[in-house]
Structures are given as structure tokens and as C-alpha cells.
Amino acid sequence: MTHLLRKSLPLPTALLAVSLGACTTLGPMPATTGIAMAPAGRPEFEVRGGYVPGYFLSSAVREEASGAPLSEVSAIVEPDRLLHLPGLFVGARYAGSPGQGAALEPTLGYRTALGAERQ
């Protein structure tokens, strides 16, 4: 079996697949990113702060799941025509409170408009 895996899955691909795995805390998790779904259509830099809905993952197995607002600070950069990458954005966010398992999360995404009217 190992011989078959070596032939069908080259080492760089296997390393990439392993590196994409991640762990998460059982602390409060934000339920949304707060990132706009439509591309800006121009180079853009956003910094946001506020509250997002969140919950503890352990509350998902209870009959009465409880959520709470989580504080969040985030920054997003969409280089658009500066790098000839319209729709691509990178950034990071910090959500939660330090005493309850807050984490810094990197963000990488792509936004595009659909349809003839580009909405």
C-alpha cells in the first residue's frame, strides 16, 4: 500500500496537504468573518473593530446552545490592480478575549461579482 501512495502522491503534494491542516481551540469561535462578499474594484485597505456573534464549540452538543458577542479586530488588504490580482485579499483577525482562548487567524480569499450586471 505504501508503494502505491509513493507513486500516486508526490512528496511536494503530500507536504502541502499536511501543512494545510490546522487545529482550533475549544474556546469561543466567531460565527462570521465580517468580510464583504463583493470585490472593491480598486485597491483597498480595511481595518475593522467591533463585535461578531460567537459560541463555544462545546455548546454545539447541548440542547440549549448559547452564544455571545465576541470582540474582533481585523485588517484586510485587496491589492487589485496594483498587483494585477483583482478580487484577491489577504489579512488577519484577532477575535475573542485573551482569557478565553482568543486567537490570531490569517485570512486569504478571493471575491468576484457574478452575472452581467457584476453584482
C-alpha atoms as a PDB file:
ATOM      1  CA  MET A   1       0.000   0.000   0.000  1.00  0.00           C
ATOM      2  CA  THR A   2       2.798   2.419   0.872  1.00  0.00           C
ATOM      3  CA  HIS A   3       4.397   1.768  -2.511  1.00  0.00           C
ATOM      4  CA  LEU A   4       1.141   2.809  -4.241  1.00  0.00           C
ATOM      5  CA  LEU A   5       0.950   6.049  -2.228  1.00  0.00           C
ATOM      6  CA  ARG A   6       4.507   6.975  -3.134  1.00  0.00           C
ATOM      7  CA  LYS A   7       3.767   6.557  -6.831  1.00  0.00           C
ATOM      8  CA  SER A   8       0.426   8.365  -6.840  1.00  0.00           C
ATOM      9  CA  LEU A   9       1.186  11.211  -4.402  1.00  0.00           C
ATOM     10  CA  PRO A  10       4.466  13.086  -4.979  1.00  0.00           C
ATOM     11  CA  LEU A  11       6.271  14.366  -1.903  1.00  0.00           C
ATOM     12  CA  PRO A  12       5.602  18.115  -2.525  1.00  0.00           C
ATOM     13  CA  THR A  13       1.865  17.416  -2.828  1.00  0.00           C
ATOM     14  CA  ALA A  14       1.865  15.330   0.341  1.00  0.00           C
ATOM     15  CA  LEU A  15       3.749  18.043   2.253  1.00  0.00           C
ATOM     16  CA  LEU A  16       1.304  20.684   1.045  1.00  0.00           C
ATOM     17  CA  ALA A  17      -1.680  18.578   2.136  1.00  0.00           C
ATOM     18  CA  VAL A  18      -0.198  18.034   5.598  1.00  0.00           C
ATOM     19  CA  SER A  19       0.688  21.726   6.028  1.00  0.00           C
ATOM     20  CA  LEU A  20      -2.884  22.829   5.270  1.00  0.00           C
ATOM     21  CA  GLY A  21      -4.231  21.028   8.328  1.00  0.00           C
ATOM     22  CA  ALA A  22      -4.957  23.134  11.379  1.00  0.00           C
ATOM     23  CA  CYS A  23      -6.047  22.860  14.978  1.00  0.00           C
ATOM     24  CA  THR A  24      -8.557  25.015  16.750  1.00  0.00           C
ATOM     25  CA  THR A  25      -9.267  25.949  20.304  1.00  0.00           C
ATOM     26  CA  LEU A  26     -12.429  24.854  22.056  1.00  0.00           C
ATOM     27  CA  GLY A  27     -12.805  28.430  23.240  1.00  0.00           C
ATOM     28  CA  PRO A  28     -15.244  30.901  21.727  1.00  0.00           C
ATOM     29  CA  MET A  29     -15.391  30.776  17.914  1.00  0.00           C
ATOM     30  CA  PRO A  30     -16.625  33.681  15.769  1.00  0.00           C
ATOM     31  CA  ALA A  31     -19.603  32.672  13.652  1.00  0.00           C
ATOM     32  CA  THR A  32     -18.793  35.046  10.787  1.00  0.00           C
ATOM     33  CA  THR A  33     -15.777  36.783   9.242  1.00  0.00           C
ATOM     34  CA  GLY A  34     -17.395  40.170   8.676  1.00  0.00           C
ATOM     35  CA  ILE A  35     -15.684  40.425   5.254  1.00  0.00           C
ATOM     36  CA  ALA A  36     -17.744  41.877   2.392  1.00  0.00           C
ATOM     37  CA  MET A  37     -18.609  39.348  -0.299  1.00  0.00           C
ATOM     38  CA  ALA A  38     -18.207  41.722  -3.251  1.00  0.00           C
ATOM     39  CA  PRO A  39     -14.801  42.864  -4.537  1.00  0.00           C
ATOM     40  CA  ALA A  40     -13.911  46.512  -4.022  1.00  0.00           C
ATOM     41  CA  GLY A  41     -12.953  47.048  -7.677  1.00  0.00           C
ATOM     42  CA  ARG A  42      -9.975  49.161  -6.613  1.00  0.00           C
ATOM     43  CA  PRO A  43      -7.005  48.772  -4.255  1.00  0.00           C
ATOM     44  CA  GLU A  44      -8.380  48.764  -0.724  1.00  0.00           C
ATOM     45  CA  PHE A  45      -7.185  48.535   2.872  1.00  0.00           C
ATOM     46  CA  GLU A  46      -9.759  47.884   5.621  1.00  0.00           C
ATOM     47  CA  VAL A  47      -9.339  47.922   9.385  1.00  0.00           C
ATOM     48  CA  ARG A  48     -12.341  46.933  11.461  1.00  0.00           C
ATOM     49  CA  GLY A  49     -13.171  46.526  15.086  1.00  0.00           C
ATOM     50  CA  GLY A  50     -16.379  45.501  16.757  1.00  0.00           C
ATOM     51  CA  TYR A  51     -18.382  42.530  17.914  1.00  0.00           C
ATOM     52  CA  VAL A  52     -19.299  39.395  15.974  1.00  0.00           C
ATOM     53  CA  PRO A  53     -21.627  36.562  17.002  1.00  0.00           C
ATOM     54  CA  GLY A  54     -19.762  33.636  18.514  1.00  0.00           C
ATOM     55  CA  TYR A  55     -20.161  30.471  20.544  1.00  0.00           C
ATOM     56  CA  PHE A  56     -18.176  27.797  22.332  1.00  0.00           C
ATOM     57  CA  LEU A  57     -17.761  24.645  20.217  1.00  0.00           C
ATOM     58  CA  SER A  58     -18.732  22.590  23.251  1.00  0.00           C
ATOM     59  CA  SER A  59     -22.173  24.261  23.275  1.00  0.00           C
ATOM     60  CA  ALA A  60     -22.981  22.623  19.912  1.00  0.00           C
ATOM     61  CA  VAL A  61     -23.684  19.313  21.655  1.00  0.00           C
ATOM     62  CA  ARG A  62     -26.057  20.764  24.225  1.00  0.00           C
ATOM     63  CA  GLU A  63     -29.783  21.037  23.847  1.00  0.00           C
ATOM     64  CA  GLU A  64     -29.657  24.757  24.599  1.00  0.00           C
ATOM     65  CA  ALA A  65     -26.718  26.170  22.659  1.00  0.00           C
ATOM     66  CA  SER A  66     -25.634  29.555  23.941  1.00  0.00           C
ATOM     67  CA  GLY A  67     -23.786  32.238  22.048  1.00  0.00           C
ATOM     68  CA  ALA A  68     -22.245  35.551  22.985  1.00  0.00           C
ATOM     69  CA  PRO A  69     -20.773  38.564  21.209  1.00  0.00           C
ATOM     70  CA  LEU A  70     -17.009  38.329  20.692  1.00  0.00           C
ATOM     71  CA  SER A  71     -14.759  41.323  20.251  1.00  0.00           C
ATOM     72  CA  GLU A  72     -12.847  41.315  16.961  1.00  0.00           C
ATOM     73  CA  VAL A  73     -10.152  43.422  15.316  1.00  0.00           C
ATOM     74  CA  SER A  74      -9.242  42.682  11.695  1.00  0.00           C
ATOM     75  CA  ALA A  75      -7.332  44.090   8.746  1.00  0.00           C
ATOM     76  CA  ILE A  76      -7.790  43.184   5.059  1.00  0.00           C
ATOM     77  CA  VAL A  77      -5.739  44.279   2.036  1.00  0.00           C
ATOM     78  CA  GLU A  78      -7.073  43.892  -1.508  1.00  0.00           C
ATOM     79  CA  PRO A  79      -4.251  44.908  -3.904  1.00  0.00           C
ATOM     80  CA  ASP A  80      -6.475  44.754  -7.034  1.00  0.00           C
ATOM     81  CA  ARG A  81      -4.770  46.499  -9.970  1.00  0.00           C
ATOM     82  CA  LEU A  82      -1.584  47.322  -8.012  1.00  0.00           C
ATOM     83  CA  LEU A  83      -0.531  43.673  -8.386  1.00  0.00           C
ATOM     84  CA  HIS A  84      -2.946  42.765 -11.209  1.00  0.00           C
ATOM     85  CA  LEU A  85      -4.877  40.467  -8.835  1.00  0.00           C
ATOM     86  CA  PRO A  86      -8.474  41.750  -8.760  1.00  0.00           C
ATOM     87  CA  GLY A  87     -10.559  40.104  -6.051  1.00  0.00           C
ATOM     88  CA  LEU A  88      -7.672  38.562  -4.098  1.00  0.00           C
ATOM     89  CA  PHE A  89      -7.394  39.680  -0.465  1.00  0.00           C
ATOM     90  CA  VAL A  90      -5.124  38.881   2.479  1.00  0.00           C
ATOM     91  CA  GLY A  91      -5.394  39.855   6.089  1.00  0.00           C
ATOM     92  CA  ALA A  92      -5.730  38.713   9.677  1.00  0.00           C
ATOM     93  CA  ARG A  93      -8.128  38.959  12.579  1.00  0.00           C
ATOM     94  CA  TYR A  94      -7.934  38.642  16.337  1.00  0.00           C
ATOM     95  CA  ALA A  95     -11.201  37.534  17.915  1.00  0.00           C
ATOM     96  CA  GLY A  96     -12.194  36.804  21.496  1.00  0.00           C
ATOM     97  CA  SER A  97     -10.620  37.737  24.793  1.00  0.00           C
ATOM     98  CA  PRO A  98      -7.143  36.648  25.905  1.00  0.00           C
ATOM     99  CA  GLY A  99      -8.529  34.849  28.968  1.00  0.00           C
ATOM    100  CA  GLN A 100     -10.838  32.626  26.922  1.00  0.00           C
ATOM    101  CA  GLY A 101      -8.652  31.358  24.105  1.00  0.00           C
ATOM    102  CA  ALA A 102      -8.557  34.238  21.638  1.00  0.00           C
ATOM    103  CA  ALA A 103      -6.509  33.620  18.518  1.00  0.00           C
ATOM    104  CA  LEU A 104      -4.889  35.473  15.645  1.00  0.00           C
ATOM    105  CA  GLU A 105      -6.231  33.993  12.391  1.00  0.00           C
ATOM    106  CA  PRO A 106      -4.680  34.632   8.954  1.00  0.00           C
ATOM    107  CA  THR A 107      -7.102  35.246   6.075  1.00  0.00           C
ATOM    108  CA  LEU A 108      -6.635  34.588   2.356  1.00  0.00           C
ATOM    109  CA  GLY A 109      -9.545  34.796  -0.053  1.00  0.00           C
ATOM    110  CA  TYR A 110     -10.948  35.702  -3.427  1.00  0.00           C
ATOM    111  CA  ARG A 111     -14.047  37.771  -4.173  1.00  0.00           C
ATOM    112  CA  THR A 112     -15.788  38.150  -7.521  1.00  0.00           C
ATOM    113  CA  ALA A 113     -19.057  39.502  -8.883  1.00  0.00           C
ATOM    114  CA  LEU A 114     -21.498  37.326 -10.790  1.00  0.00           C
ATOM    115  CA  GLY A 115     -23.848  37.990 -13.693  1.00  0.00           C
ATOM    116  CA  ALA A 116     -23.973  40.522 -16.495  1.00  0.00           C
ATOM    117  CA  GLU A 117     -24.503  43.416 -14.084  1.00  0.00           C
ATOM    118  CA  ARG A 118     -21.487  42.358 -11.957  1.00  0.00           C
ATOM    119  CA  GLN A 119     -23.449  42.429  -8.692  1.00  0.00           C
END
